Amino acid sequence: MAAMVNVLGQIITAVLFTGNVEKFIT
């Protein structure tokens, strides 16, 4: 659960900053 919350926070930040997400490895 904590790892999902961590990555979810990063994904939301990347979307808000209009970054191009290449990959997430958790």
PDB file of all heavy atoms in Angstrom:
ATOM      1  N   MET A   1       0.818  -1.188   0.000  1.00  0.00           N
ATOM      2  CA  MET A   1       0.000   0.000   0.000  1.00  0.00           C
ATOM      3  C   MET A   1       0.861   1.250   0.000  1.00  0.00           C
ATOM      4  O   MET A   1       0.595   2.192  -0.730  1.00  0.00           O
ATOM      5  CB  MET A   1      -0.901  -0.041   1.236  1.00  0.00           C
ATOM      6  CG  MET A   1      -1.617   1.214   1.509  1.00  0.00           C
ATOM      7  SD  MET A   1      -3.236   1.159   0.824  1.00  0.00           S
ATOM      8  CE  MET A   1      -3.897   2.654   1.442  1.00  0.00           C
ATOM      9  N   ALA A   2       1.912   1.275   0.833  1.00  0.00           N
ATOM     10  CA  ALA A   2       2.764   2.459   0.915  1.00  0.00           C
ATOM     11  C   ALA A   2       3.517   2.681  -0.397  1.00  0.00           C
ATOM     12  O   ALA A   2       3.693   3.825  -0.825  1.00  0.00           O
ATOM     13  CB  ALA A   2       3.736   2.323   2.079  1.00  0.00           C
ATOM     14  N   ALA A   3       3.936   1.599  -1.043  1.00  0.00           N
ATOM     15  CA  ALA A   3       4.638   1.746  -2.321  1.00  0.00           C
ATOM     16  C   ALA A   3       3.703   2.293  -3.407  1.00  0.00           C
ATOM     17  O   ALA A   3       4.107   3.114  -4.232  1.00  0.00           O
ATOM     18  CB  ALA A   3       5.217   0.403  -2.754  1.00  0.00           C
ATOM     19  N   MET A   4       2.446   1.845  -3.384  1.00  0.00           N
ATOM     20  CA  MET A   4       1.479   2.363  -4.365  1.00  0.00           C
ATOM     21  C   MET A   4       1.213   3.844  -4.146  1.00  0.00           C
ATOM     22  O   MET A   4       1.109   4.613  -5.107  1.00  0.00           O
ATOM     23  CB  MET A   4       0.170   1.575  -4.284  1.00  0.00           C
ATOM     24  CG  MET A   4       0.272   0.185  -4.818  1.00  0.00           C
ATOM     25  SD  MET A   4      -1.281  -0.763  -4.877  1.00  0.00           S
ATOM     26  CE  MET A   4      -2.409   0.078  -3.847  1.00  0.00           C
ATOM     27  N   VAL A   5       1.119   4.257  -2.904  1.00  0.00           N
ATOM     28  CA  VAL A   5       0.897   5.675  -2.597  1.00  0.00           C
ATOM     29  C   VAL A   5       2.081   6.504  -3.047  1.00  0.00           C
ATOM     30  O   VAL A   5       1.921   7.596  -3.613  1.00  0.00           O
ATOM     31  CB  VAL A   5       0.638   5.847  -1.076  1.00  0.00           C
ATOM     32  CG1 VAL A   5       0.647   7.306  -0.679  1.00  0.00           C
ATOM     33  CG2 VAL A   5      -0.672   5.193  -0.694  1.00  0.00           C
ATOM     34  N   ASN A   6       3.283   5.981  -2.849  1.00  0.00           N
ATOM     35  CA  ASN A   6       4.496   6.677  -3.270  1.00  0.00           C
ATOM     36  C   ASN A   6       4.500   6.916  -4.777  1.00  0.00           C
ATOM     37  O   ASN A   6       4.719   8.034  -5.242  1.00  0.00           O
ATOM     38  CB  ASN A   6       5.710   5.860  -2.842  1.00  0.00           C
ATOM     39  CG  ASN A   6       7.008   6.620  -2.963  1.00  0.00           C
ATOM     40  OD1 ASN A   6       7.071   7.709  -3.499  1.00  0.00           O
ATOM     41  ND2 ASN A   6       8.056   6.029  -2.451  1.00  0.00           N
ATOM     42  N   VAL A   7       4.249   5.873  -5.536  1.00  0.00           N
ATOM     43  CA  VAL A   7       4.251   5.989  -6.992  1.00  0.00           C
ATOM     44  C   VAL A   7       3.083   6.833  -7.478  1.00  0.00           C
ATOM     45  O   VAL A   7       3.236   7.624  -8.417  1.00  0.00           O
ATOM     46  CB  VAL A   7       4.237   4.585  -7.642  1.00  0.00           C
ATOM     47  CG1 VAL A   7       4.058   4.681  -9.143  1.00  0.00           C
ATOM     48  CG2 VAL A   7       5.514   3.854  -7.318  1.00  0.00           C
ATOM     49  N   LEU A   8       1.938   6.714  -6.835  1.00  0.00           N
ATOM     50  CA  LEU A   8       0.790   7.527  -7.215  1.00  0.00           C
ATOM     51  C   LEU A   8       1.096   9.013  -7.042  1.00  0.00           C
ATOM     52  O   LEU A   8       0.738   9.836  -7.893  1.00  0.00           O
ATOM     53  CB  LEU A   8      -0.431   7.134  -6.390  1.00  0.00           C
ATOM     54  CG  LEU A   8      -1.742   7.786  -6.781  1.00  0.00           C
ATOM     55  CD1 LEU A   8      -2.141   7.375  -8.188  1.00  0.00           C
ATOM     56  CD2 LEU A   8      -2.830   7.417  -5.801  1.00  0.00           C
ATOM     57  N   GLY A   9       1.780   9.371  -5.971  1.00  0.00           N
ATOM     58  CA  GLY A   9       2.183  10.761  -5.770  1.00  0.00           C
ATOM     59  C   GLY A   9       3.116  11.244  -6.864  1.00  0.00           C
ATOM     60  O   GLY A   9       3.005  12.370  -7.352  1.00  0.00           O
ATOM     61  N   GLN A  10       4.039  10.388  -7.286  1.00  0.00           N
ATOM     62  CA  GLN A  10       4.954  10.757  -8.371  1.00  0.00           C
ATOM     63  C   GLN A  10       4.220  10.881  -9.703  1.00  0.00           C
ATOM     64  O   GLN A  10       4.499  11.794 -10.484  1.00  0.00           O
ATOM     65  CB  GLN A  10       6.083   9.740  -8.485  1.00  0.00           C
ATOM     66  CG  GLN A  10       7.081   9.835  -7.364  1.00  0.00           C
ATOM     67  CD  GLN A  10       8.223   8.862  -7.536  1.00  0.00           C
ATOM     68  OE1 GLN A  10       8.076   7.811  -8.162  1.00  0.00           O
ATOM     69  NE2 GLN A  10       9.363   9.202  -6.963  1.00  0.00           N
ATOM     70  N   ILE A  11       3.281   9.989  -9.967  1.00  0.00           N
ATOM     71  CA  ILE A  11       2.531  10.060 -11.223  1.00  0.00           C
ATOM     72  C   ILE A  11       1.696  11.329 -11.281  1.00  0.00           C
ATOM     73  O   ILE A  11       1.675  12.029 -12.303  1.00  0.00           O
ATOM     74  CB  ILE A  11       1.652   8.803 -11.402  1.00  0.00           C
ATOM     75  CG1 ILE A  11       2.516   7.585 -11.669  1.00  0.00           C
ATOM     76  CG2 ILE A  11       0.645   8.998 -12.525  1.00  0.00           C
ATOM     77  CD1 ILE A  11       1.766   6.276 -11.661  1.00  0.00           C
ATOM     78  N   ILE A  12       1.020  11.660 -10.192  1.00  0.00           N
ATOM     79  CA  ILE A  12       0.201  12.879 -10.166  1.00  0.00           C
ATOM     80  C   ILE A  12       1.070  14.111 -10.363  1.00  0.00           C
ATOM     81  O   ILE A  12       0.714  15.037 -11.105  1.00  0.00           O
ATOM     82  CB  ILE A  12      -0.607  12.951  -8.854  1.00  0.00           C
ATOM     83  CG1 ILE A  12      -1.680  11.873  -8.856  1.00  0.00           C
ATOM     84  CG2 ILE A  12      -1.225  14.329  -8.661  1.00  0.00           C
ATOM     85  CD1 ILE A  12      -2.393  11.712  -7.537  1.00  0.00           C
ATOM     86  N   THR A  13       2.243  14.136  -9.729  1.00  0.00           N
ATOM     87  CA  THR A  13       3.149  15.271  -9.898  1.00  0.00           C
ATOM     88  C   THR A  13       3.643  15.367 -11.326  1.00  0.00           C
ATOM     89  O   THR A  13       3.723  16.476 -11.887  1.00  0.00           O
ATOM     90  CB  THR A  13       4.337  15.138  -8.937  1.00  0.00           C
ATOM     91  OG1 THR A  13       3.841  15.023  -7.604  1.00  0.00           O
ATOM     92  CG2 THR A  13       5.247  16.338  -9.023  1.00  0.00           C
ATOM     93  N   ALA A  14       3.970  14.252 -11.944  1.00  0.00           N
ATOM     94  CA  ALA A  14       4.435  14.274 -13.335  1.00  0.00           C
ATOM     95  C   ALA A  14       3.345  14.786 -14.267  1.00  0.00           C
ATOM     96  O   ALA A  14       3.614  15.560 -15.189  1.00  0.00           O
ATOM     97  CB  ALA A  14       4.878  12.876 -13.763  1.00  0.00           C
ATOM     98  N   VAL A  15       2.111  14.391 -14.024  1.00  0.00           N
ATOM     99  CA  VAL A  15       1.000  14.852 -14.860  1.00  0.00           C
ATOM    100  C   VAL A  15       0.764  16.348 -14.654  1.00  0.00           C
ATOM    101  O   VAL A  15       0.546  17.094 -15.607  1.00  0.00           O
ATOM    102  CB  VAL A  15      -0.276  14.034 -14.556  1.00  0.00           C
ATOM    103  CG1 VAL A  15      -1.499  14.654 -15.205  1.00  0.00           C
ATOM    104  CG2 VAL A  15      -0.105  12.603 -15.032  1.00  0.00           C
ATOM    105  N   LEU A  16       0.827  16.807 -13.395  1.00  0.00           N
ATOM    106  CA  LEU A  16       0.617  18.230 -13.131  1.00  0.00           C
ATOM    107  C   LEU A  16       1.715  19.105 -13.739  1.00  0.00           C
ATOM    108  O   LEU A  16       1.449  20.223 -14.157  1.00  0.00           O
ATOM    109  CB  LEU A  16       0.530  18.481 -11.621  1.00  0.00           C
ATOM    110  CG  LEU A  16      -0.733  17.987 -10.934  1.00  0.00           C
ATOM    111  CD1 LEU A  16      -0.638  18.205  -9.435  1.00  0.00           C
ATOM    112  CD2 LEU A  16      -1.961  18.681 -11.481  1.00  0.00           C
ATOM    113  N   PHE A  17       2.928  18.594 -13.779  1.00  0.00           N
ATOM    114  CA  PHE A  17       4.034  19.355 -14.365  1.00  0.00           C
ATOM    115  C   PHE A  17       4.195  19.094 -15.848  1.00  0.00           C
ATOM    116  O   PHE A  17       5.164  19.529 -16.449  1.00  0.00           O
ATOM    117  CB  PHE A  17       5.348  19.025 -13.657  1.00  0.00           C
ATOM    118  CG  PHE A  17       5.438  19.555 -12.270  1.00  0.00           C
ATOM    119  CD1 PHE A  17       6.223  18.904 -11.331  1.00  0.00           C
ATOM    120  CD2 PHE A  17       4.767  20.699 -11.880  1.00  0.00           C
ATOM    121  CE1 PHE A  17       6.328  19.385 -10.046  1.00  0.00           C
ATOM    122  CE2 PHE A  17       4.869  21.189 -10.594  1.00  0.00           C
ATOM    123  CZ  PHE A  17       5.650  20.532  -9.675  1.00  0.00           C
ATOM    124  N   THR A  18       3.251  18.407 -16.464  1.00  0.00           N
ATOM    125  CA  THR A  18       3.248  18.037 -17.884  1.00  0.00           C
ATOM    126  C   THR A  18       4.574  17.411 -18.320  1.00  0.00           C
ATOM    127  O   THR A  18       5.148  17.771 -19.336  1.00  0.00           O
ATOM    128  CB  THR A  18       2.910  19.238 -18.796  1.00  0.00           C
ATOM    129  OG1 THR A  18       3.909  20.249 -18.635  1.00  0.00           O
ATOM    130  CG2 THR A  18       1.534  19.785 -18.493  1.00  0.00           C
ATOM    131  N   GLY A  19       5.036  16.482 -17.519  1.00  0.00           N
ATOM    132  CA  GLY A  19       6.234  15.741 -17.873  1.00  0.00           C
ATOM    133  C   GLY A  19       5.868  14.522 -18.687  1.00  0.00           C
ATOM    134  O   GLY A  19       4.763  13.990 -18.593  1.00  0.00           O
ATOM    135  N   ASN A  20       6.790  14.105 -19.525  1.00  0.00           N
ATOM    136  CA  ASN A  20       6.582  12.892 -20.320  1.00  0.00           C
ATOM    137  C   ASN A  20       7.056  11.694 -19.514  1.00  0.00           C
ATOM    138  O   ASN A  20       8.249  11.526 -19.280  1.00  0.00           O
ATOM    139  CB  ASN A  20       7.362  12.974 -21.634  1.00  0.00           C
ATOM    140  CG  ASN A  20       6.823  14.062 -22.532  1.00  0.00           C
ATOM    141  OD1 ASN A  20       5.662  14.416 -22.446  1.00  0.00           O
ATOM    142  ND2 ASN A  20       7.687  14.612 -23.374  1.00  0.00           N
ATOM    143  N   VAL A  21       6.129  10.871 -19.099  1.00  0.00           N
ATOM    144  CA  VAL A  21       6.457   9.703 -18.290  1.00  0.00           C
ATOM    145  C   VAL A  21       6.939   8.599 -19.225  1.00  0.00           C
ATOM    146  O   VAL A  21       6.203   8.127 -20.082  1.00  0.00           O
ATOM    147  CB  VAL A  21       5.229   9.235 -17.475  1.00  0.00           C
ATOM    148  CG1 VAL A  21       5.573   7.986 -16.683  1.00  0.00           C
ATOM    149  CG2 VAL A  21       4.732  10.341 -16.567  1.00  0.00           C
ATOM    150  N   GLU A  22       8.177   8.200 -19.022  1.00  0.00           N
ATOM    151  CA  GLU A  22       8.750   7.122 -19.826  1.00  0.00           C
ATOM    152  C   GLU A  22       8.533   5.773 -19.156  1.00  0.00           C
ATOM    153  O   GLU A  22       8.091   4.833 -19.790  1.00  0.00           O
ATOM    154  CB  GLU A  22      10.252   7.364 -20.044  1.00  0.00           C
ATOM    155  CG  GLU A  22      10.584   8.681 -20.726  1.00  0.00           C
ATOM    156  CD  GLU A  22      10.089   8.757 -22.158  1.00  0.00           C
ATOM    157  OE1 GLU A  22      10.019   7.700 -22.817  1.00  0.00           O
ATOM    158  OE2 GLU A  22       9.784   9.871 -22.605  1.00  0.00           O
ATOM    159  N   LYS A  23       8.857   5.700 -17.855  1.00  0.00           N
ATOM    160  CA  LYS A  23       8.678   4.420 -17.148  1.00  0.00           C
ATOM    161  C   LYS A  23       8.679   4.641 -15.649  1.00  0.00           C
ATOM    162  O   LYS A  23       9.236   5.611 -15.140  1.00  0.00           O
ATOM    163  CB  LYS A  23       9.770   3.420 -17.517  1.00  0.00           C
ATOM    164  CG  LYS A  23      11.150   3.818 -17.043  1.00  0.00           C
ATOM    165  CD  LYS A  23      12.170   2.780 -17.408  1.00  0.00           C
ATOM    166  CE  LYS A  23      13.559   3.285 -17.014  1.00  0.00           C
ATOM    167  NZ  LYS A  23      14.607   2.333 -17.318  1.00  0.00           N
ATOM    168  N   PHE A  24       8.020   3.741 -14.933  1.00  0.00           N
ATOM    169  CA  PHE A  24       8.033   3.653 -13.482  1.00  0.00           C
ATOM    170  C   PHE A  24       8.350   2.216 -13.124  1.00  0.00           C
ATOM    171  O   PHE A  24       7.684   1.297 -13.594  1.00  0.00           O
ATOM    172  CB  PHE A  24       6.676   4.017 -12.878  1.00  0.00           C
ATOM    173  CG  PHE A  24       6.450   5.480 -12.713  1.00  0.00           C
ATOM    174  CD1 PHE A  24       5.668   6.172 -13.609  1.00  0.00           C
ATOM    175  CD2 PHE A  24       7.016   6.167 -11.654  1.00  0.00           C
ATOM    176  CE1 PHE A  24       5.450   7.519 -13.469  1.00  0.00           C
ATOM    177  CE2 PHE A  24       6.805   7.516 -11.496  1.00  0.00           C
ATOM    178  CZ  PHE A  24       6.028   8.198 -12.401  1.00  0.00           C
ATOM    179  N   ILE A  25       9.362   2.018 -12.322  1.00  0.00           N
ATOM    180  CA  ILE A  25       9.706   0.684 -11.830  1.00  0.00           C
ATOM    181  C   ILE A  25       9.653   0.763 -10.313  1.00  0.00           C
ATOM    182  O   ILE A  25      10.330   1.581  -9.704  1.00  0.00           O
ATOM    183  CB  ILE A  25      11.110   0.256 -12.301  1.00  0.00           C
ATOM    184  CG1 ILE A  25      11.164   0.232 -13.822  1.00  0.00           C
ATOM    185  CG2 ILE A  25      11.481  -1.094 -11.704  1.00  0.00           C
ATOM    186  CD1 ILE A  25      12.537   0.002 -14.388  1.00  0.00           C
ATOM    187  N   THR A  26       8.844  -0.089  -9.707  1.00  0.00           N
ATOM    188  CA  THR A  26       8.672  -0.041  -8.260  1.00  0.00           C
ATOM    189  C   THR A  26       8.979  -1.403  -7.658  1.00  0.00           C
ATOM    190  O   THR A  26       8.461  -2.418  -8.105  1.00  0.00           O
ATOM    191  CB  THR A  26       7.229   0.361  -7.906  1.00  0.00           C
ATOM    192  OG1 THR A  26       6.961   1.621  -8.502  1.00  0.00           O
ATOM    193  CG2 THR A  26       7.048   0.471  -6.427  1.00  0.00           C
TER     194      THR A  26
END
